């Protein structure tokens, strides 16, 4: 499985996306903090975090006895650059042309 496949697999699950949303809101949370917001066992959350870590969507740092989880948005940026941006560009160009055309019409 290549790097992008791991990322898409990790993002395919709504619980993992929710974990990423939680880390976006407050980065550097422990497993206990992340579990507070989910209706699943600690073991299940740990498994989801492992998949996110394997996809490089989160990084882990030990501070004393506490294992903190941090969001790594770089892979999501790669997805945007490879898959989203190229589809977004023609629409943005069309909107800019329309805006320019409408502005020219109002100037006359």
PDB file of N, CA and C in Angstrom:
ATOM      1  N   UNK A   1       0.863  -1.170   0.000  1.00  0.00           N
ATOM      2  CA  UNK A   1       0.000   0.000   0.000  1.00  0.00           C
ATOM      3  C   UNK A   1       0.909   1.234   0.000  1.00  0.00           C
ATOM      4  N   UNK A   2       0.658   2.176  -0.904  1.00  0.00           N
ATOM      5  CA  UNK A   2       1.503   3.366  -0.934  1.00  0.00           C
ATOM      6  C   UNK A   2       1.023   4.417   0.066  1.00  0.00           C
ATOM      7  N   UNK A   3       1.791   5.481   0.181  1.00  0.00           N
ATOM      8  CA  UNK A   3       1.539   6.511   1.195  1.00  0.00           C
ATOM      9  C   UNK A   3       0.137   7.112   1.077  1.00  0.00           C
ATOM     10  N   UNK A   4      -0.294   7.462  -0.134  1.00  0.00           N
ATOM     11  CA  UNK A   4      -1.620   8.063  -0.333  1.00  0.00           C
ATOM     12  C   UNK A   4      -2.730   7.089   0.040  1.00  0.00           C
ATOM     13  N   UNK A   5      -2.528   5.800  -0.238  1.00  0.00           N
ATOM     14  CA  UNK A   5      -3.536   4.795   0.125  1.00  0.00           C
ATOM     15  C   UNK A   5      -3.749   4.762   1.638  1.00  0.00           C
ATOM     16  N   UNK A   6      -2.651   4.855   2.394  1.00  0.00           N
ATOM     17  CA  UNK A   6      -2.755   4.881   3.858  1.00  0.00           C
ATOM     18  C   UNK A   6      -3.533   6.113   4.325  1.00  0.00           C
ATOM     19  N   UNK A   7      -3.274   7.238   3.690  1.00  0.00           N
ATOM     20  CA  UNK A   7      -3.954   8.478   4.076  1.00  0.00           C
ATOM     21  C   UNK A   7      -5.447   8.371   3.801  1.00  0.00           C
ATOM     22  N   UNK A   8      -5.809   7.929   2.594  1.00  0.00           N
ATOM     23  CA  UNK A   8      -7.231   7.819   2.246  1.00  0.00           C
ATOM     24  C   UNK A   8      -7.935   6.775   3.112  1.00  0.00           C
ATOM     25  N   UNK A   9      -7.245   5.664   3.410  1.00  0.00           N
ATOM     26  CA  UNK A   9      -7.837   4.647   4.299  1.00  0.00           C
ATOM     27  C   UNK A   9      -8.108   5.246   5.672  1.00  0.00           C
ATOM     28  N   UNK A  10      -7.146   6.002   6.182  1.00  0.00           N
ATOM     29  CA  UNK A  10      -7.315   6.605   7.507  1.00  0.00           C
ATOM     30  C   UNK A  10      -8.457   7.608   7.509  1.00  0.00           C
ATOM     31  N   UNK A  11      -8.582   8.386   6.453  1.00  0.00           N
ATOM     32  CA  UNK A  11      -9.628   9.411   6.385  1.00  0.00           C
ATOM     33  C   UNK A  11     -11.010   8.836   6.073  1.00  0.00           C
ATOM     34  N   UNK A  12     -11.061   7.583   5.651  1.00  0.00           N
ATOM     35  CA  UNK A  12     -12.342   6.973   5.261  1.00  0.00           C
ATOM     36  C   UNK A  12     -13.273   6.731   6.445  1.00  0.00           C
ATOM     37  N   UNK A  13     -12.730   6.673   7.636  1.00  0.00           N
ATOM     38  CA  UNK A  13     -13.529   6.351   8.811  1.00  0.00           C
ATOM     39  C   UNK A  13     -13.946   7.630   9.542  1.00  0.00           C
ATOM     40  N   UNK A  14     -15.231   7.748   9.853  1.00  0.00           N
ATOM     41  CA  UNK A  14     -15.747   8.964  10.502  1.00  0.00           C
ATOM     42  C   UNK A  14     -15.184   9.169  11.913  1.00  0.00           C
ATOM     43  N   UNK A  15     -14.917   8.086  12.631  1.00  0.00           N
ATOM     44  CA  UNK A  15     -14.329   8.227  13.969  1.00  0.00           C
ATOM     45  C   UNK A  15     -12.922   8.810  13.896  1.00  0.00           C
ATOM     46  N   UNK A  16     -12.156   8.378  12.900  1.00  0.00           N
ATOM     47  CA  UNK A  16     -10.807   8.926  12.742  1.00  0.00           C
ATOM     48  C   UNK A  16     -10.855  10.385  12.313  1.00  0.00           C
ATOM     49  N   UNK A  17     -11.805  10.727  11.465  1.00  0.00           N
ATOM     50  CA  UNK A  17     -11.953  12.145  11.084  1.00  0.00           C
ATOM     51  C   UNK A  17     -12.338  12.968  12.300  1.00  0.00           C
ATOM     52  N   UNK A  18     -13.167  12.411  13.174  1.00  0.00           N
ATOM     53  CA  UNK A  18     -13.554  13.118  14.401  1.00  0.00           C
ATOM     54  C   UNK A  18     -12.343  13.325  15.311  1.00  0.00           C
ATOM     55  N   UNK A  19     -11.480  12.320  15.391  1.00  0.00           N
ATOM     56  CA  UNK A  19     -10.252  12.472  16.182  1.00  0.00           C
ATOM     57  C   UNK A  19      -9.381  13.593  15.613  1.00  0.00           C
ATOM     58  N   UNK A  20      -9.269  13.647  14.288  1.00  0.00           N
ATOM     59  CA  UNK A  20      -8.491  14.723  13.660  1.00  0.00           C
ATOM     60  C   UNK A  20      -9.122  16.082  13.935  1.00  0.00           C
ATOM     61  N   UNK A  21     -10.446  16.142  13.906  1.00  0.00           N
ATOM     62  CA  UNK A  21     -11.146  17.399  14.220  1.00  0.00           C
ATOM     63  C   UNK A  21     -10.845  17.829  15.657  1.00  0.00           C
ATOM     64  N   UNK A  22     -10.831  16.866  16.575  1.00  0.00           N
ATOM     65  CA  UNK A  22     -10.535  17.188  17.979  1.00  0.00           C
ATOM     66  C   UNK A  22      -9.112  17.722  18.128  1.00  0.00           C
ATOM     67  N   UNK A  23      -8.180  17.122  17.399  1.00  0.00           N
ATOM     68  CA  UNK A  23      -6.795  17.592  17.476  1.00  0.00           C
ATOM     69  C   UNK A  23      -6.631  18.945  16.793  1.00  0.00           C
ATOM     70  N   UNK A  24      -7.452  19.212  15.796  1.00  0.00           N
ATOM     71  CA  UNK A  24      -7.424  20.533  15.161  1.00  0.00           C
ATOM     72  C   UNK A  24      -7.873  21.596  16.161  1.00  0.00           C
ATOM     73  N   UNK A  25      -8.905  21.270  16.939  1.00  0.00           N
ATOM     74  CA  UNK A  25      -9.429  22.205  17.931  1.00  0.00           C
ATOM     75  C   UNK A  25      -8.453  22.408  19.089  1.00  0.00           C
ATOM     76  N   UNK A  26      -7.854  21.310  19.550  1.00  0.00           N
ATOM     77  CA  UNK A  26      -6.896  21.385  20.661  1.00  0.00           C
ATOM     78  C   UNK A  26      -5.810  20.350  20.409  1.00  0.00           C
ATOM     79  N   UNK A  27      -4.685  20.812  19.933  1.00  0.00           N
ATOM     80  CA  UNK A  27      -3.587  19.922  19.595  1.00  0.00           C
ATOM     81  C   UNK A  27      -2.870  19.456  20.859  1.00  0.00           C
ATOM     82  N   UNK A  28      -2.261  18.275  20.809  1.00  0.00           N
ATOM     83  CA  UNK A  28      -1.482  17.776  21.924  1.00  0.00           C
ATOM     84  C   UNK A  28      -2.312  17.163  23.034  1.00  0.00           C
ATOM     85  N   UNK A  29      -3.249  16.286  22.666  1.00  0.00           N
ATOM     86  CA  UNK A  29      -4.107  15.658  23.666  1.00  0.00           C
ATOM     87  C   UNK A  29      -3.631  14.243  23.987  1.00  0.00           C
ATOM     88  N   UNK A  30      -3.938  13.817  25.197  1.00  0.00           N
ATOM     89  CA  UNK A  30      -3.658  12.446  25.616  1.00  0.00           C
ATOM     90  C   UNK A  30      -4.789  11.540  25.131  1.00  0.00           C
ATOM     91  N   UNK A  31      -4.561  10.246  25.242  1.00  0.00           N
ATOM     92  CA  UNK A  31      -5.595   9.270  24.894  1.00  0.00           C
ATOM     93  C   UNK A  31      -6.851   9.498  25.732  1.00  0.00           C
ATOM     94  N   UNK A  32      -6.687   9.737  27.029  1.00  0.00           N
ATOM     95  CA  UNK A  32      -7.850   9.973  27.896  1.00  0.00           C
ATOM     96  C   UNK A  32      -8.651  11.184  27.444  1.00  0.00           C
ATOM     97  N   UNK A  33      -7.973  12.257  27.093  1.00  0.00           N
ATOM     98  CA  UNK A  33      -8.679  13.458  26.630  1.00  0.00           C
ATOM     99  C   UNK A  33      -9.446  13.178  25.345  1.00  0.00           C
ATOM    100  N   UNK A  34      -8.838  12.442  24.439  1.00  0.00           N
ATOM    101  CA  UNK A  34      -9.502  12.130  23.174  1.00  0.00           C
ATOM    102  C   UNK A  34     -10.695  11.204  23.383  1.00  0.00           C
ATOM    103  N   UNK A  35     -10.588  10.285  24.333  1.00  0.00           N
ATOM    104  CA  UNK A  35     -11.676   9.339  24.621  1.00  0.00           C
ATOM    105  C   UNK A  35     -12.909  10.031  25.195  1.00  0.00           C
ATOM    106  N   UNK A  36     -12.716  11.145  25.879  1.00  0.00           N
ATOM    107  CA  UNK A  36     -13.842  11.856  26.500  1.00  0.00           C
ATOM    108  C   UNK A  36     -14.912  12.261  25.488  1.00  0.00           C
ATOM    109  N   UNK A  37     -14.535  12.457  24.233  1.00  0.00           N
ATOM    110  CA  UNK A  37     -15.458  12.977  23.227  1.00  0.00           C
ATOM    111  C   UNK A  37     -16.043  11.898  22.327  1.00  0.00           C
ATOM    112  N   UNK A  38     -15.689  10.649  22.569  1.00  0.00           N
ATOM    113  CA  UNK A  38     -16.147   9.572  21.695  1.00  0.00           C
ATOM    114  C   UNK A  38     -16.880   8.503  22.491  1.00  0.00           C
ATOM    115  N   UNK A  39     -17.861   7.903  21.878  1.00  0.00           N
ATOM    116  CA  UNK A  39     -18.593   6.801  22.497  1.00  0.00           C
ATOM    117  C   UNK A  39     -18.006   5.475  22.028  1.00  0.00           C
ATOM    118  N   UNK A  40     -16.745   5.243  22.401  1.00  0.00           N
ATOM    119  CA  UNK A  40     -16.106   3.974  22.079  1.00  0.00           C
ATOM    120  C   UNK A  40     -15.077   3.667  23.155  1.00  0.00           C
ATOM    121  N   UNK A  41     -14.659   2.434  23.166  1.00  0.00           N
ATOM    122  CA  UNK A  41     -13.705   2.019  24.193  1.00  0.00           C
ATOM    123  C   UNK A  41     -12.340   2.658  23.943  1.00  0.00           C
ATOM    124  N   UNK A  42     -11.579   2.686  25.002  1.00  0.00           N
ATOM    125  CA  UNK A  42     -10.218   3.215  24.928  1.00  0.00           C
ATOM    126  C   UNK A  42      -9.381   2.406  23.929  1.00  0.00           C
ATOM    127  N   UNK A  43      -9.601   1.092  23.918  1.00  0.00           N
ATOM    128  CA  UNK A  43      -8.878   0.214  22.996  1.00  0.00           C
ATOM    129  C   UNK A  43      -9.205   0.568  21.538  1.00  0.00           C
ATOM    130  N   UNK A  44     -10.465   0.851  21.246  1.00  0.00           N
ATOM    131  CA  UNK A  44     -10.864   1.226  19.887  1.00  0.00           C
ATOM    132  C   UNK A  44     -10.232   2.550  19.473  1.00  0.00           C
ATOM    133  N   UNK A  45     -10.244   3.511  20.386  1.00  0.00           N
ATOM    134  CA  UNK A  45      -9.620   4.806  20.090  1.00  0.00           C
ATOM    135  C   UNK A  45      -8.131   4.616  19.823  1.00  0.00           C
ATOM    136  N   UNK A  46      -7.477   3.769  20.610  1.00  0.00           N
ATOM    137  CA  UNK A  46      -6.049   3.481  20.407  1.00  0.00           C
ATOM    138  C   UNK A  46      -5.790   2.902  19.026  1.00  0.00           C
ATOM    139  N   UNK A  47      -6.649   1.999  18.579  1.00  0.00           N
ATOM    140  CA  UNK A  47      -6.495   1.406  17.248  1.00  0.00           C
ATOM    141  C   UNK A  47      -6.654   2.466  16.159  1.00  0.00           C
ATOM    142  N   UNK A  48      -7.634   3.357  16.320  1.00  0.00           N
ATOM    143  CA  UNK A  48      -7.829   4.435  15.342  1.00  0.00           C
ATOM    144  C   UNK A  48      -6.618   5.369  15.322  1.00  0.00           C
ATOM    145  N   UNK A  49      -6.076   5.664  16.494  1.00  0.00           N
ATOM    146  CA  UNK A  49      -4.901   6.536  16.568  1.00  0.00           C
ATOM    147  C   UNK A  49      -3.693   5.895  15.896  1.00  0.00           C
ATOM    148  N   UNK A  50      -3.554   4.591  16.027  1.00  0.00           N
ATOM    149  CA  UNK A  50      -2.450   3.885  15.385  1.00  0.00           C
ATOM    150  C   UNK A  50      -2.559   3.998  13.854  1.00  0.00           C
ATOM    151  N   UNK A  51      -3.758   3.844  13.329  1.00  0.00           N
ATOM    152  CA  UNK A  51      -3.964   3.970  11.879  1.00  0.00           C
ATOM    153  C   UNK A  51      -3.640   5.394  11.426  1.00  0.00           C
ATOM    154  N   UNK A  52      -4.068   6.383  12.207  1.00  0.00           N
ATOM    155  CA  UNK A  52      -3.757   7.777  11.872  1.00  0.00           C
ATOM    156  C   UNK A  52      -2.248   8.032  11.930  1.00  0.00           C
ATOM    157  N   UNK A  53      -1.586   7.417  12.896  1.00  0.00           N
ATOM    158  CA  UNK A  53      -0.130   7.584  13.019  1.00  0.00           C
ATOM    159  C   UNK A  53       0.586   6.918  11.846  1.00  0.00           C
ATOM    160  N   UNK A  54       0.139   5.737  11.445  1.00  0.00           N
ATOM    161  CA  UNK A  54       0.744   5.031  10.308  1.00  0.00           C
ATOM    162  C   UNK A  54       0.576   5.816   9.012  1.00  0.00           C
ATOM    163  N   UNK A  55      -0.516   6.572   8.917  1.00  0.00           N
ATOM    164  CA  UNK A  55      -0.756   7.409   7.737  1.00  0.00           C
ATOM    165  C   UNK A  55      -0.053   8.763   7.849  1.00  0.00           C
ATOM    166  N   UNK A  56       0.652   8.968   8.944  1.00  0.00           N
ATOM    167  CA  UNK A  56       1.388  10.208   9.218  1.00  0.00           C
ATOM    168  C   UNK A  56       0.451  11.413   9.381  1.00  0.00           C
ATOM    169  N   UNK A  57      -0.798  11.154   9.744  1.00  0.00           N
ATOM    170  CA  UNK A  57      -1.751  12.239   9.975  1.00  0.00           C
ATOM    171  C   UNK A  57      -1.665  12.773  11.398  1.00  0.00           C
ATOM    172  N   UNK A  58      -1.060  11.983  12.282  1.00  0.00           N
ATOM    173  CA  UNK A  58      -0.774  12.466  13.631  1.00  0.00           C
ATOM    174  C   UNK A  58       0.656  12.076  13.979  1.00  0.00           C
ATOM    175  N   UNK A  59       1.233  12.828  14.885  1.00  0.00           N
ATOM    176  CA  UNK A  59       2.540  12.477  15.440  1.00  0.00           C
ATOM    177  C   UNK A  59       2.388  12.401  16.951  1.00  0.00           C
ATOM    178  N   UNK A  60       3.225  11.584  17.560  1.00  0.00           N
ATOM    179  CA  UNK A  60       3.146  11.339  18.994  1.00  0.00           C
ATOM    180  C   UNK A  60       4.421  11.852  19.646  1.00  0.00           C
ATOM    181  N   UNK A  61       4.248  12.468  20.799  1.00  0.00           N
ATOM    182  CA  UNK A  61       5.384  12.958  21.568  1.00  0.00           C
ATOM    183  C   UNK A  61       5.166  12.591  23.031  1.00  0.00           C
ATOM    184  N   UNK A  62       6.190  12.062  23.629  1.00  0.00           N
ATOM    185  CA  UNK A  62       6.122  11.721  25.050  1.00  0.00           C
ATOM    186  C   UNK A  62       6.603  12.909  25.870  1.00  0.00           C
ATOM    187  N   UNK A  63       5.792  13.321  26.837  1.00  0.00           N
ATOM    188  CA  UNK A  63       6.160  14.351  27.812  1.00  0.00           C
ATOM    189  C   UNK A  63       6.043  13.694  29.181  1.00  0.00           C
ATOM    190  N   UNK A  64       7.169  13.246  29.698  1.00  0.00           N
ATOM    191  CA  UNK A  64       7.129  12.489  30.944  1.00  0.00           C
ATOM    192  C   UNK A  64       6.406  11.172  30.724  1.00  0.00           C
ATOM    193  N   UNK A  65       5.379  10.949  31.504  1.00  0.00           N
ATOM    194  CA  UNK A  65       4.574   9.722  31.366  1.00  0.00           C
ATOM    195  C   UNK A  65       3.401   9.895  30.428  1.00  0.00           C
ATOM    196  N   UNK A  66       3.224  11.093  29.870  1.00  0.00           N
ATOM    197  CA  UNK A  66       2.066  11.384  29.026  1.00  0.00           C
ATOM    198  C   UNK A  66       2.426  11.303  27.540  1.00  0.00           C
ATOM    199  N   UNK A  67       1.616  10.568  26.824  1.00  0.00           N
ATOM    200  CA  UNK A  67       1.773  10.433  25.376  1.00  0.00           C
ATOM    201  C   UNK A  67       0.796  11.418  24.734  1.00  0.00           C
ATOM    202  N   UNK A  68       1.351  12.433  24.085  1.00  0.00           N
ATOM    203  CA  UNK A  68       0.522  13.469  23.471  1.00  0.00           C
ATOM    204  C   UNK A  68       0.419  13.243  21.969  1.00  0.00           C
ATOM    205  N   UNK A  69      -0.774  13.476  21.449  1.00  0.00           N
ATOM    206  CA  UNK A  69      -1.054  13.288  20.020  1.00  0.00           C
ATOM    207  C   UNK A  69      -1.221  14.663  19.367  1.00  0.00           C
ATOM    208  N   UNK A  70      -0.524  14.839  18.246  1.00  0.00           N
ATOM    209  CA  UNK A  70      -0.561  16.107  17.526  1.00  0.00           C
ATOM    210  C   UNK A  70      -0.984  15.874  16.079  1.00  0.00           C
ATOM    211  N   UNK A  71      -1.766  16.792  15.565  1.00  0.00           N
ATOM    212  CA  UNK A  71      -2.193  16.754  14.175  1.00  0.00           C
ATOM    213  C   UNK A  71      -1.019  17.089  13.271  1.00  0.00           C
ATOM    214  N   UNK A  72      -0.857  16.330  12.210  1.00  0.00           N
ATOM    215  CA  UNK A  72       0.121  16.628  11.168  1.00  0.00           C
ATOM    216  C   UNK A  72      -0.675  16.888   9.891  1.00  0.00           C
ATOM    217  N   UNK A  73      -0.814  18.137   9.515  1.00  0.00           N
ATOM    218  CA  UNK A  73      -1.667  18.486   8.373  1.00  0.00           C
ATOM    219  C   UNK A  73      -0.948  18.384   7.031  1.00  0.00           C
ATOM    220  N   UNK A  74       0.343  18.082   7.025  1.00  0.00           N
ATOM    221  CA  UNK A  74       1.092  17.996   5.767  1.00  0.00           C
ATOM    222  C   UNK A  74       0.490  16.984   4.781  1.00  0.00           C
ATOM    223  N   UNK A  75       0.120  15.766   5.211  1.00  0.00           N
ATOM    224  CA  UNK A  75      -0.470  14.827   4.247  1.00  0.00           C
ATOM    225  C   UNK A  75      -1.802  15.332   3.664  1.00  0.00           C
ATOM    226  N   UNK A  76      -2.562  16.071   4.450  1.00  0.00           N
ATOM    227  CA  UNK A  76      -3.824  16.616   3.940  1.00  0.00           C
ATOM    228  C   UNK A  76      -3.511  17.686   2.891  1.00  0.00           C
ATOM    229  N   UNK A  77      -2.451  18.446   3.118  1.00  0.00           N
ATOM    230  CA  UNK A  77      -2.000  19.414   2.114  1.00  0.00           C
ATOM    231  C   UNK A  77      -1.581  18.733   0.819  1.00  0.00           C
ATOM    232  N   UNK A  78      -0.947  17.572   0.943  1.00  0.00           N
ATOM    233  CA  UNK A  78      -0.570  16.798  -0.246  1.00  0.00           C
ATOM    234  C   UNK A  78      -1.807  16.347  -1.019  1.00  0.00           C
ATOM    235  N   UNK A  79      -2.829  15.910  -0.289  1.00  0.00           N
ATOM    236  CA  UNK A  79      -4.081  15.508  -0.940  1.00  0.00           C
ATOM    237  C   UNK A  79      -4.693  16.698  -1.663  1.00  0.00           C
ATOM    238  N   UNK A  80      -4.699  17.851  -1.000  1.00  0.00           N
ATOM    239  CA  UNK A  80      -5.240  19.056  -1.629  1.00  0.00           C
ATOM    240  C   UNK A  80      -4.473  19.358  -2.914  1.00  0.00           C
ATOM    241  N   UNK A  81      -3.156  19.345  -2.848  1.00  0.00           N
ATOM    242  CA  UNK A  81      -2.349  19.665  -4.015  1.00  0.00           C
ATOM    243  C   UNK A  81      -2.518  18.671  -5.148  1.00  0.00           C
ATOM    244  N   UNK A  82      -2.648  17.400  -4.804  1.00  0.00           N
ATOM    245  CA  UNK A  82      -2.727  16.349  -5.835  1.00  0.00           C
ATOM    246  C   UNK A  82      -4.140  16.141  -6.365  1.00  0.00           C
ATOM    247  N   UNK A  83      -5.149  16.245  -5.504  1.00  0.00           N
ATOM    248  CA  UNK A  83      -6.494  15.851  -5.901  1.00  0.00           C
ATOM    249  C   UNK A  83      -7.510  16.974  -5.921  1.00  0.00           C
ATOM    250  N   UNK A  84      -7.423  17.939  -5.059  1.00  0.00           N
ATOM    251  CA  UNK A  84      -8.473  18.957  -4.947  1.00  0.00           C
ATOM    252  C   UNK A  84      -8.152  20.193  -5.780  1.00  0.00           C
ATOM    253  N   UNK A  85      -6.945  20.689  -5.652  1.00  0.00           N
ATOM    254  CA  UNK A  85      -6.553  21.948  -6.274  1.00  0.00           C
ATOM    255  C   UNK A  85      -6.786  21.947  -7.785  1.00  0.00           C
ATOM    256  N   UNK A  86      -6.425  20.855  -8.449  1.00  0.00           N
ATOM    257  CA  UNK A  86      -6.559  20.824  -9.908  1.00  0.00           C
ATOM    258  C   UNK A  86      -8.027  20.861 -10.351  1.00  0.00           C
ATOM    259  N   UNK A  87      -8.925  20.368  -9.519  1.00  0.00           N
ATOM    260  CA  UNK A  87     -10.342  20.423  -9.858  1.00  0.00           C
ATOM    261  C   UNK A  87     -10.946  21.762  -9.475  1.00  0.00           C
ATOM    262  N   UNK A  88     -10.357  22.408  -8.508  1.00  0.00           N
ATOM    263  CA  UNK A  88     -10.837  23.693  -8.016  1.00  0.00           C
ATOM    264  C   UNK A  88     -10.425  24.841  -8.944  1.00  0.00           C
ATOM    265  N   UNK A  89      -9.243  24.738  -9.567  1.00  0.00           N
ATOM    266  CA  UNK A  89      -8.692  25.826 -10.365  1.00  0.00           C
ATOM    267  C   UNK A  89      -9.601  26.269 -11.515  1.00  0.00           C
ATOM    268  N   UNK A  90     -10.162  25.369 -12.329  1.00  0.00           N
ATOM    269  CA  UNK A  90     -11.036  25.833 -13.419  1.00  0.00           C
ATOM    270  C   UNK A  90     -12.257  26.607 -12.912  1.00  0.00           C
ATOM    271  N   UNK A  91     -12.827  26.194 -11.794  1.00  0.00           N
ATOM    272  CA  UNK A  91     -13.975  26.912 -11.235  1.00  0.00           C
ATOM    273  C   UNK A  91     -13.578  28.300 -10.757  1.00  0.00           C
ATOM    274  N   UNK A  92     -12.424  28.383 -10.110  1.00  0.00           N
ATOM    275  CA  UNK A  92     -11.958  29.679  -9.624  1.00  0.00           C
ATOM    276  C   UNK A  92     -11.675  30.615 -10.801  1.00  0.00           C
ATOM    277  N   UNK A  93     -11.102  30.081 -11.868  1.00  0.00           N
ATOM    278  CA  UNK A  93     -10.839  30.892 -13.063  1.00  0.00           C
ATOM    279  C   UNK A  93     -12.142  31.369 -13.682  1.00  0.00           C
ATOM    280  N   UNK A  94     -13.130  30.492 -13.756  1.00  0.00           N
ATOM    281  CA  UNK A  94     -14.424  30.865 -14.327  1.00  0.00           C
ATOM    282  C   UNK A  94     -15.099  31.942 -13.485  1.00  0.00           C
ATOM    283  N   UNK A  95     -15.034  31.810 -12.157  1.00  0.00           N
ATOM    284  CA  UNK A  95     -15.621  32.833 -11.281  1.00  0.00           C
ATOM    285  C   UNK A  95     -14.897  34.172 -11.429  1.00  0.00           C
ATOM    286  N   UNK A  96     -13.569  34.141 -11.566  1.00  0.00           N
ATOM    287  CA  UNK A  96     -12.804  35.377 -11.744  1.00  0.00           C
ATOM    288  C   UNK A  96     -13.166  36.049 -13.063  1.00  0.00           C
ATOM    289  N   UNK A  97     -13.319  35.261 -14.135  1.00  0.00           N
ATOM    290  CA  UNK A  97     -13.712  35.813 -15.437  1.00  0.00           C
ATOM    291  C   UNK A  97     -15.108  36.427 -15.360  1.00  0.00           C
ATOM    292  N   UNK A  98     -16.034  35.744 -14.683  1.00  0.00           N
ATOM    293  CA  UNK A  98     -17.384  36.259 -14.519  1.00  0.00           C
ATOM    294  C   UNK A  98     -17.362  37.559 -13.729  1.00  0.00           C
ATOM    295  N   UNK A  99     -16.615  37.606 -12.658  1.00  0.00           N
ATOM    296  CA  UNK A  99     -16.490  38.811 -11.842  1.00  0.00           C
ATOM    297  C   UNK A  99     -15.943  39.967 -12.676  1.00  0.00           C
ATOM    298  N   UNK A 100     -14.876  39.698 -13.425  1.00  0.00           N
ATOM    299  CA  UNK A 100     -14.288  40.738 -14.273  1.00  0.00           C
ATOM    300  C   UNK A 100     -15.277  41.226 -15.318  1.00  0.00           C
ATOM    301  N   UNK A 101     -16.018  40.315 -15.915  1.00  0.00           N
ATOM    302  CA  UNK A 101     -17.005  40.664 -16.930  1.00  0.00           C
ATOM    303  C   UNK A 101     -18.120  41.530 -16.343  1.00  0.00           C
ATOM    304  N   UNK A 102     -18.593  41.142 -15.162  1.00  0.00           N
ATOM    305  CA  UNK A 102     -19.656  41.917 -14.510  1.00  0.00           C
ATOM    306  C   UNK A 102     -19.165  43.310 -14.108  1.00  0.00           C
ATOM    307  N   UNK A 103     -17.938  43.383 -13.649  1.00  0.00           N
ATOM    308  CA  UNK A 103     -17.374  44.677 -13.266  1.00  0.00           C
ATOM    309  C   UNK A 103     -17.209  45.579 -14.489  1.00  0.00           C
ATOM    310  N   UNK A 104     -16.828  44.995 -15.624  1.00  0.00           N
ATOM    311  CA  UNK A 104     -16.679  45.776 -16.864  1.00  0.00           C
ATOM    312  C   UNK A 104     -18.044  46.314 -17.316  1.00  0.00           C
ATOM    313  N   UNK A 105     -19.078  45.489 -17.162  1.00  0.00           N
ATOM    314  CA  UNK A 105     -20.432  45.902 -17.553  1.00  0.00           C
ATOM    315  C   UNK A 105     -20.918  47.064 -16.684  1.00  0.00           C
ATOM    316  N   UNK A 106     -20.589  47.075 -15.415  1.00  0.00           N
ATOM    317  CA  UNK A 106     -21.062  48.139 -14.526  1.00  0.00           C
ATOM    318  C   UNK A 106     -20.269  49.421 -14.733  1.00  0.00           C
ATOM    319  N   UNK A 107     -19.039  49.328 -15.271  1.00  0.00           N
ATOM    320  CA  UNK A 107     -18.231  50.513 -15.526  1.00  0.00           C
ATOM    321  C   UNK A 107     -18.722  51.287 -16.742  1.00  0.00           C
ATOM    322  N   UNK A 108     -19.420  50.635 -17.632  1.00  0.00           N
ATOM    323  CA  UNK A 108     -19.872  51.297 -18.873  1.00  0.00           C
ATOM    324  C   UNK A 108     -21.102  52.126 -18.681  1.00  0.00           C
TER     325      UNK A 108
END
